[in-house]
Structures are given as C-alpha cells and as structure tokens.
Amino acid sequence: MKHSLRFRLLFFVLTSFIVGWLMISGFTWWRAAAEADALFDEQLFQLATLLAVVTSHEAEEQDLDEFAEDMQVNGYNDPPVFQVWSSNGQLLVHGPNAPREPLSLNFETGYSNEMMKGRQWRVYTRYTSDKQHRIQVAQESASREVRMLGFVVNILSPLLLALPMIGVLWWVVVRALNPLDRLVHQIGARSATNLEAIDTAIVPVEAKVLVDAINDLFQKLQLSIERYNRFTADAAHELRTPLAGSVVQIQAALESSDEGERKHSLNQALKGLSKLNRLVEQLLVFSRMEPDVAMLEFAFLDLKKLSVEVVSEYVPGYLEKSVSLELEAPHPVTLKGNWELLSIVLRNLLDNAVRVTPAGGVIKVSLLADDNFVTLMVIDAGPGIADQNKALVFGRFHRLLGTTGQGSGLGLSIVHSAVRLHGGTVMLEDGDEGKGLRVVIKIPIRSAFPSEVENL
C-alpha cells in the first residue's frame, strides 16, 4: 500500500516520538524503582541501627520491658516489624505484628528475602556493637511495591504532560507540508499543453531539487514536441509531393490510349513511388536516431570490414554509371559502435556521391586511424558545395537549389545524427584541387570506452 508523504512523515515523526517517550519512561521507571528499592533498604538499615543503639542502652539499664512500647511510636504509615534477640536465643523485644519465631534463619549481617505465612518479606539482620544482641527488621515486599509504585508514578507524572505534544507535532507537520499542497495544486491545475516552468519562489528548499527536475523535464518535453511537430510537418510536406505526383501519373496512364504515353506515365509514377519508398525508409531510420528514443546496442566492430562490405554492394551500380569507386583502408580499425548505423552513414555518403559524380568520375573512400580517432573520408567528383551552404545541408529535408535526382534531403542529416550518437563530428571540405566535396568523419576511439579499448 502506498501512502502520501504527509502520512509517511507523520508516521515516522510520531513513531519516533512515542518510541522515545516509552524509552525515557521505561528508563525513568527502572531508575526510580531501583532508587526506591535502595531507599527502602536504607530505611530498614536505619531502623536496625536505631534499635541497636537503643537496645544497647536499655540492656545496660535492665529496662527492656519498656522497649516495645517505645518502638511502637514511629512515623511510618506501614511500619516494619522488628525483633531483638539475646545471644542465647531469647526473644527480648518484638514490634507489633511481629511473630515470635525469627524473621530470618539467616543470622549473618545483611539483607535477605524470606517467606512468612505465604507472603514475601525483606529482612535486614545486624548485631549490637558488643555482639550480645541480634536485631532483625522486616518489611513486607507487597507493601514496598505499593509504596514504590506511588513513588515512581509521582516521578513519571511530568512525562505524561508530553503526550499532548503528539497533537502539536501532527499540527506542525501538516502546516509544514502546506507549501507542497500548494505546489501539487499548481501542477494539477495545469492543462496538458502548459509546459512552462514552475515558479520556484513558493517552493520549499527541500522540494526545489524535485521542481528543478520537473522544470527540466518540461523543457525537454517542449523541445521534443517542437521537434516532433516540425518533423511531422516536414515529413508530411515531403511525402505529399511524390505521392501526389505518382497519383497524377497513374491517372494519366489509365486515361491515355497511347501505349507510349501510358508507359511514360507509369515510369514516372514508378520513379515517384521509388522516391517515396526511400523517403519513408530514411524517415524510419531518422526516427530511431532521435536522442530521446535511441535504443542502440554498441559493440566492438571492425570498421574496415564494414567499409569493404558496404563498398562491395555499390561497385556493380557504379560500374553501370561509369563511375570508379576506390577504397583505401590499409589496416583493421576497431572501435565500439553500432554496425547498422555506421553502415547507413557510409551508404548515404556513397548515394550522395554517386548522385553528383559525372560519368568517368572517381569516388574515393579512405579509412585511417591513430591513437585517438578513426577518420572516415568520402571524396566525390561532383560540383561541391559552397561554403555558405555547408552548414545548411545537415538540416532535415534540405536540398540545394538546382539539385536533381531522387534525394530525400535527409541523407546528410542522418549522417550527422548517427555520427553524433557515436560521439564524433562531421566536416564538409572542398575536394582535391578545390573540386568535388570531401566529407570527413572523426569518431573518438577512447573517449567513450577507454578501459575496454585498451584491453583489446
């Protein structure tokens, strides 16, 4: 069962208070009982001492007949019983209610517990200074316990005044949590579209960390929604054009009676649908690489092996277009990354390169590595990109004016996002002798997984 913060706080505070109160009361009870018990024993000792002095004095005057009467005058509400025995075992004096047999058969000086007539007694035995008389003083244990209880209760009475503090603590905790109630009301009253930061002016210091985290989440959600809306709008716009064009071409083919025109319309529709298919594939790839939803598995891989595999796929198509494809990868290059994403990076770069490279041109792929970085370069023989446009081409659906072909405008944006997920960078430079475009990708080897790379 889940409880509110108020309940948990009240529970722990009140439980701590009650446990503390019980511990203090228990310790006070134990201590007071021990002190009372010692006090009652001291009382027996003092009475026995008084009897020893009086007995010695009366014995010298041979006036023991008046001793019992003198001993009956005392200030006790429940006076102890006492006996005075001579050295030859004769009972000389005994107090009221005292039996004629010894109160204790333990004749050594000190305290003992005895049972008399089914009741327990506390007995103190001592002798006069001349060892001629034995004195025994006794007090019933039940009587001692009753008096001890009253004594302890009197001591504990002030602690009972602390019990009303439970209500005070309850009120204090409830009042102290009022700012949280206001915060809950402030958040609960918001609409689903209100992602503005929560005002921290009324937030307690203890809750500020939570509110800051919520504000940070609101900001991330706002950025995510904006990115989603922008992406959806751009995707809808880009999908609408080839789809509408394909529909028009198919309708034209259906309405045309000329076989040549019908074939031309169907070819145009096929091109539009092919573009649409590639665009959808690129959109799916891009959606998986969003920082907030990317769930990628990284493992150690050989980037040279990956490059050879991807380049081999493109060689036949390049030969058909009379374009040469060269790969320079002298050594294996091991790093931790995602095979699929890095394959998509290289494929997109090769797609862009072959699209702009004229027949007879050469596309070069170079893979090098040092102690810190892996460098992947793709150099085409196309017209290149002007400096003022190099930063723009990484945007989604961005195509340069005058660009033709089946490009979706997502290729370099996907490359940039995939490389960024690997902690790397993408730079666009002019090709050899200022002709064409050189795409330079640098991915750090040690930054993300230094210990694992060093152990290879």
Protein backbone atom coordinates (compact mmCIF):
# COMPACT_ATOMS: atom_id res chain seq x y z
CA MET A 1 0.00 0.00 0.00
CA LYS A 2 1.36 3.41 -1.00
CA HIS A 3 0.99 6.32 1.40
CA SER A 4 1.35 10.04 0.97
CA LEU A 5 4.43 11.95 2.03
CA ARG A 6 2.35 13.55 4.79
CA PHE A 7 1.36 10.14 6.16
CA ARG A 8 4.94 8.86 6.00
CA LEU A 9 6.32 11.95 7.69
CA LEU A 10 3.66 11.89 10.40
CA PHE A 11 4.16 8.18 10.90
CA PHE A 12 7.92 8.43 11.31
CA VAL A 13 7.84 11.58 13.46
CA LEU A 14 5.11 10.32 15.78
CA THR A 15 6.58 6.83 15.93
CA SER A 16 9.97 8.27 16.82
CA PHE A 17 8.35 10.49 19.46
CA ILE A 18 6.34 7.64 21.00
CA VAL A 19 9.29 5.23 20.97
CA GLY A 20 11.48 7.91 22.52
CA TRP A 21 8.82 8.66 25.13
CA LEU A 22 8.47 4.97 26.00
CA MET A 23 12.24 4.54 26.24
CA ILE A 24 12.58 7.57 28.52
CA SER A 25 9.60 6.45 30.61
CA GLY A 26 10.94 2.90 30.85
CA PHE A 27 14.38 4.09 31.86
CA THR A 28 12.89 6.52 34.37
CA TRP A 29 10.68 3.75 35.79
CA TRP A 30 13.62 1.38 36.13
CA ARG A 31 15.84 4.03 37.67
CA ALA A 32 13.16 5.30 40.06
CA ALA A 33 12.27 1.74 41.11
CA ALA A 34 15.91 0.98 41.79
CA GLU A 35 16.28 4.19 43.80
CA ALA A 36 13.08 3.48 45.75
CA ASP A 37 14.19 -0.06 46.50
CA ALA A 38 17.54 1.22 47.74
CA LEU A 39 15.72 3.85 49.81
CA PHE A 40 13.51 1.22 51.49
CA ASP A 41 16.58 -0.92 52.23
CA GLU A 42 18.25 2.14 53.71
CA GLN A 43 15.15 2.64 55.83
CA LEU A 44 15.47 -0.90 57.25
CA PHE A 45 19.15 -0.27 57.87
CA GLN A 46 18.49 2.98 59.74
CA LEU A 47 15.76 1.38 61.87
CA ALA A 48 18.03 -1.57 62.70
CA THR A 49 20.82 0.82 63.64
CA LEU A 50 18.45 2.79 65.88
CA LEU A 51 17.31 -0.45 67.50
CA ALA A 52 20.92 -1.49 68.06
CA VAL A 53 21.69 1.79 69.85
CA VAL A 54 18.51 1.72 71.92
CA THR A 55 18.95 -1.99 72.74
CA SER A 56 22.50 -1.46 74.00
CA HIS A 57 21.35 1.45 76.16
CA GLU A 58 18.28 -0.29 77.58
CA ALA A 59 20.19 -3.50 78.15
CA GLU A 60 22.67 -1.69 80.35
CA GLU A 61 19.81 -0.24 82.38
CA GLN A 62 17.99 -3.58 82.50
CA ASP A 63 14.82 -1.81 81.42
CA LEU A 64 13.78 -3.93 78.40
CA ASP A 65 10.13 -4.11 79.47
CA GLU A 66 9.51 -0.58 78.20
CA PHE A 67 11.40 -1.16 74.91
CA ALA A 68 8.44 -2.49 72.88
CA GLU A 69 6.28 0.45 73.91
CA ASP A 70 8.99 2.90 72.90
CA MET A 71 9.41 1.19 69.48
CA GLN A 72 5.69 1.46 68.68
CA VAL A 73 5.99 5.24 68.49
CA ASN A 74 7.18 5.84 64.89
CA GLY A 75 6.32 7.87 61.83
CA TYR A 76 5.66 5.01 59.40
CA ASN A 77 2.30 4.55 57.75
CA ASP A 78 3.12 0.88 57.35
CA PRO A 79 5.86 0.34 59.95
CA PRO A 80 8.33 -2.53 59.58
CA VAL A 81 8.25 -5.35 62.12
CA PHE A 82 11.30 -5.96 64.27
CA GLN A 83 12.75 -8.39 66.80
CA VAL A 84 15.58 -8.18 69.34
CA TRP A 85 17.16 -11.46 70.35
CA SER A 86 19.68 -12.13 73.08
CA SER A 87 22.87 -14.01 72.44
CA ASN A 88 21.37 -17.16 73.98
CA GLY A 89 18.43 -17.10 71.51
CA GLN A 90 15.82 -15.47 73.78
CA LEU A 91 13.34 -13.05 72.15
CA LEU A 92 13.63 -9.88 74.22
CA VAL A 93 11.57 -7.40 72.27
CA HIS A 94 9.37 -7.54 69.19
CA GLY A 95 7.27 -4.97 67.44
CA PRO A 96 3.59 -5.06 66.65
CA ASN A 97 2.54 -7.96 64.37
CA ALA A 98 5.99 -9.50 64.62
CA PRO A 99 6.00 -13.28 65.07
CA ARG A 100 7.79 -14.98 67.97
CA GLU A 101 9.93 -17.11 65.68
CA PRO A 102 12.94 -15.46 63.96
CA LEU A 103 12.12 -13.28 60.97
CA SER A 104 15.01 -14.93 59.14
CA LEU A 105 17.10 -18.02 59.81
CA ASN A 106 19.98 -16.25 58.11
CA PHE A 107 21.80 -14.83 61.14
CA GLU A 108 24.56 -13.15 59.14
CA THR A 109 24.57 -9.38 58.92
CA GLY A 110 22.84 -8.24 55.72
CA TYR A 111 19.66 -8.42 53.68
CA SER A 112 17.63 -11.49 52.79
CA ASN A 113 14.24 -12.34 51.29
CA GLU A 114 12.01 -14.61 53.35
CA MET A 115 8.56 -16.20 53.03
CA MET A 116 6.32 -15.91 56.10
CA LYS A 117 2.70 -17.06 56.10
CA GLY A 118 2.66 -17.16 52.32
CA ARG A 119 3.94 -13.64 51.91
CA GLN A 120 7.38 -12.41 50.96
CA TRP A 121 9.35 -10.15 53.29
CA ARG A 122 12.55 -8.17 53.03
CA VAL A 123 14.65 -8.77 56.18
CA TYR A 124 17.73 -6.98 57.47
CA THR A 125 19.83 -8.61 60.21
CA ARG A 126 22.54 -6.99 62.35
CA TYR A 127 24.12 -7.20 65.81
CA THR A 128 24.82 -4.69 68.54
CA SER A 129 28.37 -3.50 68.91
CA ASP A 130 29.02 -5.92 71.78
CA LYS A 131 27.59 -8.86 69.79
CA GLN A 132 25.19 -9.62 72.66
CA HIS A 133 22.00 -8.92 70.77
CA ARG A 134 20.73 -9.83 67.31
CA ILE A 135 18.34 -7.41 65.67
CA GLN A 136 16.10 -8.26 62.70
CA VAL A 137 13.91 -5.75 60.89
CA ALA A 138 11.48 -6.79 58.14
CA GLN A 139 9.14 -5.13 55.67
CA GLU A 140 6.54 -6.88 53.51
CA SER A 141 7.53 -6.86 49.82
CA ALA A 142 3.98 -6.16 48.64
CA SER A 143 3.83 -3.08 50.85
CA ARG A 144 7.17 -1.93 49.48
CA GLU A 145 5.94 -2.40 45.90
CA VAL A 146 2.77 -0.38 46.53
CA ARG A 147 4.75 2.47 48.02
CA MET A 148 7.36 2.13 45.26
CA LEU A 149 4.60 2.35 42.63
CA GLY A 150 3.29 5.57 44.11
CA PHE A 151 6.81 6.96 44.24
CA VAL A 152 7.54 6.07 40.60
CA VAL A 153 4.18 7.38 39.37
CA ASN A 154 4.88 10.71 41.03
CA ILE A 155 8.18 10.89 39.22
CA LEU A 156 6.67 9.90 35.86
CA SER A 157 3.73 12.28 36.11
CA PRO A 158 5.58 15.18 34.39
CA LEU A 159 6.30 12.90 31.43
CA LEU A 160 2.57 12.46 30.88
CA LEU A 161 2.41 16.14 30.03
CA ALA A 162 4.46 15.35 26.93
CA LEU A 163 1.72 13.16 25.42
CA PRO A 164 -0.34 16.15 24.18
CA MET A 165 2.75 17.01 22.12
CA ILE A 166 1.58 14.28 19.71
CA GLY A 167 -1.26 16.55 18.61
CA VAL A 168 1.12 19.51 18.40
CA LEU A 169 3.52 17.51 16.23
CA TRP A 170 0.64 16.45 14.00
CA TRP A 171 -0.41 20.07 13.52
CA VAL A 172 3.18 21.21 12.89
CA VAL A 173 3.78 18.55 10.22
CA VAL A 174 0.52 19.34 8.46
CA ARG A 175 1.29 23.05 8.47
CA ALA A 176 4.86 22.45 7.30
CA LEU A 177 3.61 20.47 4.28
CA ASN A 178 1.16 23.16 3.15
CA PRO A 179 3.65 24.51 0.56
CA LEU A 180 3.71 21.05 -1.01
CA ASP A 181 -0.09 21.10 -1.19
CA ARG A 182 0.09 24.43 -2.99
CA LEU A 183 2.70 23.01 -5.34
CA VAL A 184 0.53 19.96 -6.06
CA HIS A 185 -2.44 22.23 -6.73
CA GLN A 186 -0.36 24.44 -9.02
CA ILE A 187 0.81 21.45 -11.09
CA GLY A 188 -2.57 19.68 -11.02
CA ALA A 189 -4.38 22.77 -12.30
CA ARG A 190 -2.22 22.93 -15.43
CA SER A 191 -3.51 21.94 -18.82
CA ALA A 192 -1.80 19.20 -20.79
CA THR A 193 -0.27 21.78 -23.14
CA ASN A 194 1.14 24.05 -20.43
CA LEU A 195 4.83 23.17 -20.17
CA GLU A 196 6.01 26.47 -18.72
CA ALA A 197 8.48 26.25 -15.84
CA ILE A 198 7.03 26.07 -12.34
CA ASP A 199 7.64 29.18 -10.26
CA THR A 200 10.19 28.19 -7.61
CA ALA A 201 9.57 31.29 -5.46
CA ILE A 202 6.96 29.45 -3.35
CA VAL A 203 8.77 26.11 -3.35
CA PRO A 204 10.48 24.93 -0.13
CA VAL A 205 14.21 24.39 -0.35
CA GLU A 206 13.75 20.63 0.18
CA ALA A 207 11.43 20.39 -2.84
CA LYS A 208 13.42 22.72 -5.10
CA VAL A 209 15.55 19.87 -6.46
CA LEU A 210 12.38 18.00 -7.45
CA VAL A 211 10.83 21.10 -9.00
CA ASP A 212 14.03 21.84 -10.92
CA ALA A 213 13.94 18.28 -12.27
CA ILE A 214 10.29 18.73 -13.29
CA ASN A 215 11.10 22.04 -14.98
CA ASP A 216 13.97 20.36 -16.80
CA LEU A 217 11.58 17.61 -17.90
CA PHE A 218 9.06 20.23 -19.08
CA GLN A 219 11.78 21.86 -21.15
CA LYS A 220 12.81 18.54 -22.68
CA LEU A 221 9.18 17.70 -23.43
CA GLN A 222 8.68 21.11 -25.04
CA LEU A 223 11.73 20.64 -27.23
CA SER A 224 10.65 17.09 -28.07
CA ILE A 225 7.15 18.24 -29.01
CA GLU A 226 8.51 21.06 -31.12
CA ARG A 227 10.92 18.66 -32.80
CA TYR A 228 8.11 16.17 -33.36
CA ASN A 229 5.79 18.82 -34.79
CA ARG A 230 8.50 20.14 -37.06
CA PHE A 231 9.46 16.66 -38.16
CA THR A 232 5.82 15.70 -38.79
CA ALA A 233 5.14 18.85 -40.79
CA ASP A 234 8.30 18.42 -42.87
CA ALA A 235 7.64 14.73 -43.43
CA ALA A 236 4.04 15.36 -44.47
CA HIS A 237 5.20 18.01 -46.93
CA GLU A 238 7.92 15.80 -48.40
CA LEU A 239 5.65 12.76 -48.65
CA ARG A 240 2.80 14.69 -50.26
CA THR A 241 4.78 15.75 -53.35
CA PRO A 242 5.94 12.33 -54.67
CA LEU A 243 2.68 10.72 -53.62
CA ALA A 244 0.56 13.32 -55.44
CA GLY A 245 2.83 13.15 -58.47
CA SER A 246 2.57 9.36 -58.62
CA VAL A 247 -1.23 9.50 -58.36
CA VAL A 248 -1.36 12.01 -61.23
CA GLN A 249 0.90 9.86 -63.40
CA ILE A 250 -1.12 6.72 -62.71
CA GLN A 251 -4.35 8.54 -63.55
CA ALA A 252 -2.77 9.80 -66.75
CA ALA A 253 -1.72 6.27 -67.65
CA LEU A 254 -5.24 4.98 -67.08
CA GLU A 255 -6.80 7.70 -69.19
CA SER A 256 -4.25 7.55 -72.03
CA SER A 257 -4.93 5.39 -75.09
CA ASP A 258 -1.41 5.80 -76.40
CA GLU A 259 0.89 2.99 -75.33
CA GLY A 260 3.97 5.22 -75.31
CA GLU A 261 2.36 7.87 -73.15
CA ARG A 262 0.98 5.19 -70.82
CA LYS A 263 4.40 3.66 -70.40
CA HIS A 264 5.99 7.04 -69.83
CA SER A 265 3.39 7.91 -67.15
CA LEU A 266 3.88 4.57 -65.40
CA ASN A 267 7.66 5.04 -65.41
CA GLN A 268 7.24 8.48 -63.90
CA ALA A 269 4.87 7.06 -61.28
CA LEU A 270 7.40 4.31 -60.51
CA LYS A 271 10.12 6.92 -60.02
CA GLY A 272 7.86 8.88 -57.69
CA LEU A 273 6.97 5.78 -55.69
CA SER A 274 10.64 4.76 -55.52
CA LYS A 275 11.47 8.19 -54.15
CA LEU A 276 8.59 7.88 -51.73
CA ASN A 277 9.80 4.45 -50.61
CA ARG A 278 13.33 5.74 -50.00
CA LEU A 279 11.97 8.77 -48.17
CA VAL A 280 9.90 6.55 -45.86
CA GLU A 281 12.94 4.34 -45.18
CA GLN A 282 15.03 7.40 -44.37
CA LEU A 283 12.31 8.75 -42.09
CA LEU A 284 12.17 5.46 -40.20
CA VAL A 285 15.95 5.48 -39.79
CA PHE A 286 15.91 9.09 -38.65
CA SER A 287 13.14 8.48 -36.10
CA ARG A 288 15.21 5.72 -34.49
CA MET A 289 18.13 8.10 -34.04
CA GLU A 290 16.27 10.76 -32.09
CA PRO A 291 18.30 11.34 -28.88
CA ASP A 292 15.24 10.80 -26.70
CA VAL A 293 14.26 7.45 -28.24
CA ALA A 294 17.51 5.97 -29.48
CA MET A 295 17.86 2.46 -28.05
CA LEU A 296 21.03 1.32 -29.77
CA GLU A 297 23.33 -1.55 -28.96
CA PHE A 298 27.02 -0.75 -29.24
CA ALA A 299 29.61 -3.48 -29.70
CA PHE A 300 33.21 -3.73 -30.85
CA LEU A 301 33.44 -3.89 -34.62
CA ASP A 302 35.99 -3.71 -37.43
CA LEU A 303 35.23 -0.57 -39.42
CA LYS A 304 37.44 -1.78 -42.30
CA LYS A 305 35.34 -4.93 -42.64
CA LEU A 306 32.17 -2.81 -42.57
CA SER A 307 33.54 -0.45 -45.23
CA VAL A 308 34.56 -3.31 -47.53
CA GLU A 309 31.10 -4.86 -47.20
CA VAL A 310 29.24 -1.63 -47.98
CA VAL A 311 31.53 -0.60 -50.84
CA SER A 312 31.19 -4.06 -52.41
CA GLU A 313 27.43 -3.57 -52.57
CA TYR A 314 27.84 -0.38 -54.59
CA VAL A 315 30.51 -1.48 -57.08
CA PRO A 316 28.14 -3.04 -59.67
CA GLY A 317 25.87 0.02 -59.73
CA TYR A 318 28.85 2.36 -60.03
CA LEU A 319 30.21 0.38 -62.98
CA GLU A 320 26.89 0.75 -64.78
CA LYS A 321 27.18 4.51 -64.39
CA SER A 322 30.85 4.53 -65.46
CA VAL A 323 31.92 5.82 -62.05
CA SER A 324 35.01 4.45 -60.31
CA LEU A 325 34.95 3.59 -56.60
CA GLU A 326 38.21 3.33 -54.66
CA LEU A 327 38.66 2.18 -51.05
CA GLU A 328 41.78 2.94 -49.05
CA ALA A 329 41.79 1.01 -45.77
CA PRO A 330 45.28 -0.33 -45.10
CA HIS A 331 44.66 -1.63 -41.57
CA PRO A 332 41.80 -3.04 -39.49
CA VAL A 333 40.19 -0.36 -37.34
CA THR A 334 38.42 -1.49 -34.16
CA LEU A 335 36.01 0.72 -32.25
CA LYS A 336 32.83 0.38 -30.28
CA GLY A 337 29.77 1.36 -32.24
CA ASN A 338 26.56 0.29 -33.91
CA TRP A 339 27.13 -1.70 -37.12
CA GLU A 340 23.78 -0.80 -38.68
CA LEU A 341 24.10 2.95 -38.07
CA LEU A 342 27.66 3.15 -39.38
CA SER A 343 26.60 1.15 -42.44
CA ILE A 344 23.78 3.65 -43.05
CA VAL A 345 26.28 6.52 -42.70
CA LEU A 346 28.55 5.13 -45.40
CA ARG A 347 25.64 4.16 -47.69
CA ASN A 348 24.16 7.66 -47.52
CA LEU A 349 27.51 9.24 -48.29
CA LEU A 350 28.00 6.91 -51.27
CA ASP A 351 24.43 7.60 -52.50
CA ASN A 352 25.08 11.33 -52.38
CA ALA A 353 28.46 10.92 -54.04
CA VAL A 354 27.25 8.85 -56.99
CA ARG A 355 24.30 11.17 -57.50
CA VAL A 356 26.57 14.18 -58.12
CA THR A 357 29.55 12.48 -59.75
CA PRO A 358 29.51 12.54 -63.57
CA ALA A 359 30.39 9.57 -65.74
CA GLY A 360 34.11 8.86 -65.69
CA GLY A 361 34.47 10.40 -62.23
CA VAL A 362 36.15 8.78 -59.24
CA ILE A 363 34.77 8.41 -55.72
CA LYS A 364 37.34 7.70 -53.01
CA VAL A 365 36.68 6.17 -49.61
CA SER A 366 39.50 6.44 -47.09
CA LEU A 367 39.72 4.87 -43.62
CA LEU A 368 42.55 5.83 -41.26
CA ALA A 369 43.10 5.67 -37.51
CA ASP A 370 45.51 6.95 -34.88
CA ASP A 371 45.61 6.53 -31.11
CA ASN A 372 42.62 8.80 -30.55
CA PHE A 373 40.39 8.98 -33.63
CA VAL A 374 39.04 6.97 -36.53
CA THR A 375 38.83 9.10 -39.68
CA LEU A 376 36.45 8.11 -42.47
CA MET A 377 36.53 10.23 -45.66
CA VAL A 378 34.37 10.09 -48.78
CA ILE A 379 35.50 12.28 -51.67
CA ASP A 380 33.32 12.71 -54.77
CA ALA A 381 33.92 14.38 -58.13
CA GLY A 382 30.77 16.48 -58.16
CA PRO A 383 30.31 20.24 -58.20
CA GLY A 384 30.89 20.54 -54.45
CA ILE A 385 29.03 22.77 -52.01
CA ALA A 386 29.59 26.48 -51.48
CA ASP A 387 30.98 27.43 -48.08
CA GLN A 388 27.85 29.35 -47.12
CA ASN A 389 25.72 26.24 -47.72
CA LYS A 390 27.87 23.63 -45.97
CA ALA A 391 26.24 24.14 -42.59
CA LEU A 392 22.73 24.15 -44.08
CA VAL A 393 22.82 20.72 -45.71
CA PHE A 394 22.73 18.96 -42.33
CA GLY A 395 19.17 20.21 -41.79
CA ARG A 396 16.25 17.90 -42.40
CA PHE A 397 14.78 17.87 -45.92
CA HIS A 398 17.27 20.49 -47.06
CA ARG A 399 18.20 20.30 -50.73
CA LEU A 400 20.37 22.81 -52.52
CA LEU A 401 18.84 24.84 -55.30
CA GLY A 402 19.37 23.23 -58.67
CA THR A 403 19.80 19.75 -57.19
CA THR A 404 18.21 16.97 -59.22
CA GLY A 405 17.74 13.26 -58.64
CA GLN A 406 15.94 11.13 -56.11
CA GLY A 407 17.41 12.64 -52.94
CA SER A 408 15.16 13.00 -49.91
CA GLY A 409 17.07 15.78 -48.22
CA LEU A 410 17.64 13.55 -45.20
CA GLY A 411 20.91 11.83 -46.10
CA LEU A 412 23.42 14.20 -44.51
CA SER A 413 21.08 14.90 -41.61
CA ILE A 414 21.03 11.15 -40.85
CA VAL A 415 24.81 11.00 -41.21
CA HIS A 416 25.22 13.89 -38.78
CA SER A 417 22.86 12.36 -36.18
CA ALA A 418 24.40 8.88 -36.40
CA VAL A 419 27.95 10.20 -36.06
CA ARG A 420 26.87 12.39 -33.14
CA LEU A 421 25.46 9.31 -31.37
CA HIS A 422 28.96 7.83 -31.65
CA GLY A 423 30.50 10.96 -30.14
CA GLY A 424 32.02 12.03 -33.44
CA THR A 425 31.94 15.00 -35.80
CA VAL A 426 31.20 15.55 -39.48
CA MET A 427 33.01 18.20 -41.56
CA LEU A 428 32.47 19.20 -45.18
CA GLU A 429 35.53 20.34 -47.10
CA ASP A 430 36.42 21.03 -50.70
CA GLY A 431 37.81 18.05 -52.60
CA ASP A 432 41.21 17.67 -54.20
CA GLU A 433 42.29 20.81 -56.05
CA GLY A 434 39.11 22.53 -54.94
CA LYS A 435 36.88 20.18 -56.94
CA GLY A 436 34.15 17.97 -55.53
CA LEU A 437 33.28 17.50 -51.86
CA ARG A 438 35.23 15.80 -49.10
CA VAL A 439 33.14 14.51 -46.16
CA VAL A 440 35.38 13.94 -43.13
CA ILE A 441 34.05 11.93 -40.18
CA LYS A 442 36.04 11.67 -36.96
CA ILE A 443 34.95 9.25 -34.23
CA PRO A 444 36.90 9.03 -30.96
CA ILE A 445 38.23 5.59 -30.09
CA ARG A 446 38.96 6.02 -26.37
CA SER A 447 36.62 8.73 -25.13
CA ALA A 448 33.51 6.60 -24.57
CA PHE A 449 35.04 3.25 -23.62
CA PRO A 450 38.73 3.77 -22.71
CA SER A 451 39.22 0.73 -20.49
CA GLU A 452 37.60 -1.70 -22.91
CA VAL A 453 39.52 -0.41 -25.95
CA GLU A 454 42.82 -0.61 -24.09
CA ASN A 455 42.12 -4.23 -23.18
CA LEU A 456 41.65 -5.33 -26.78
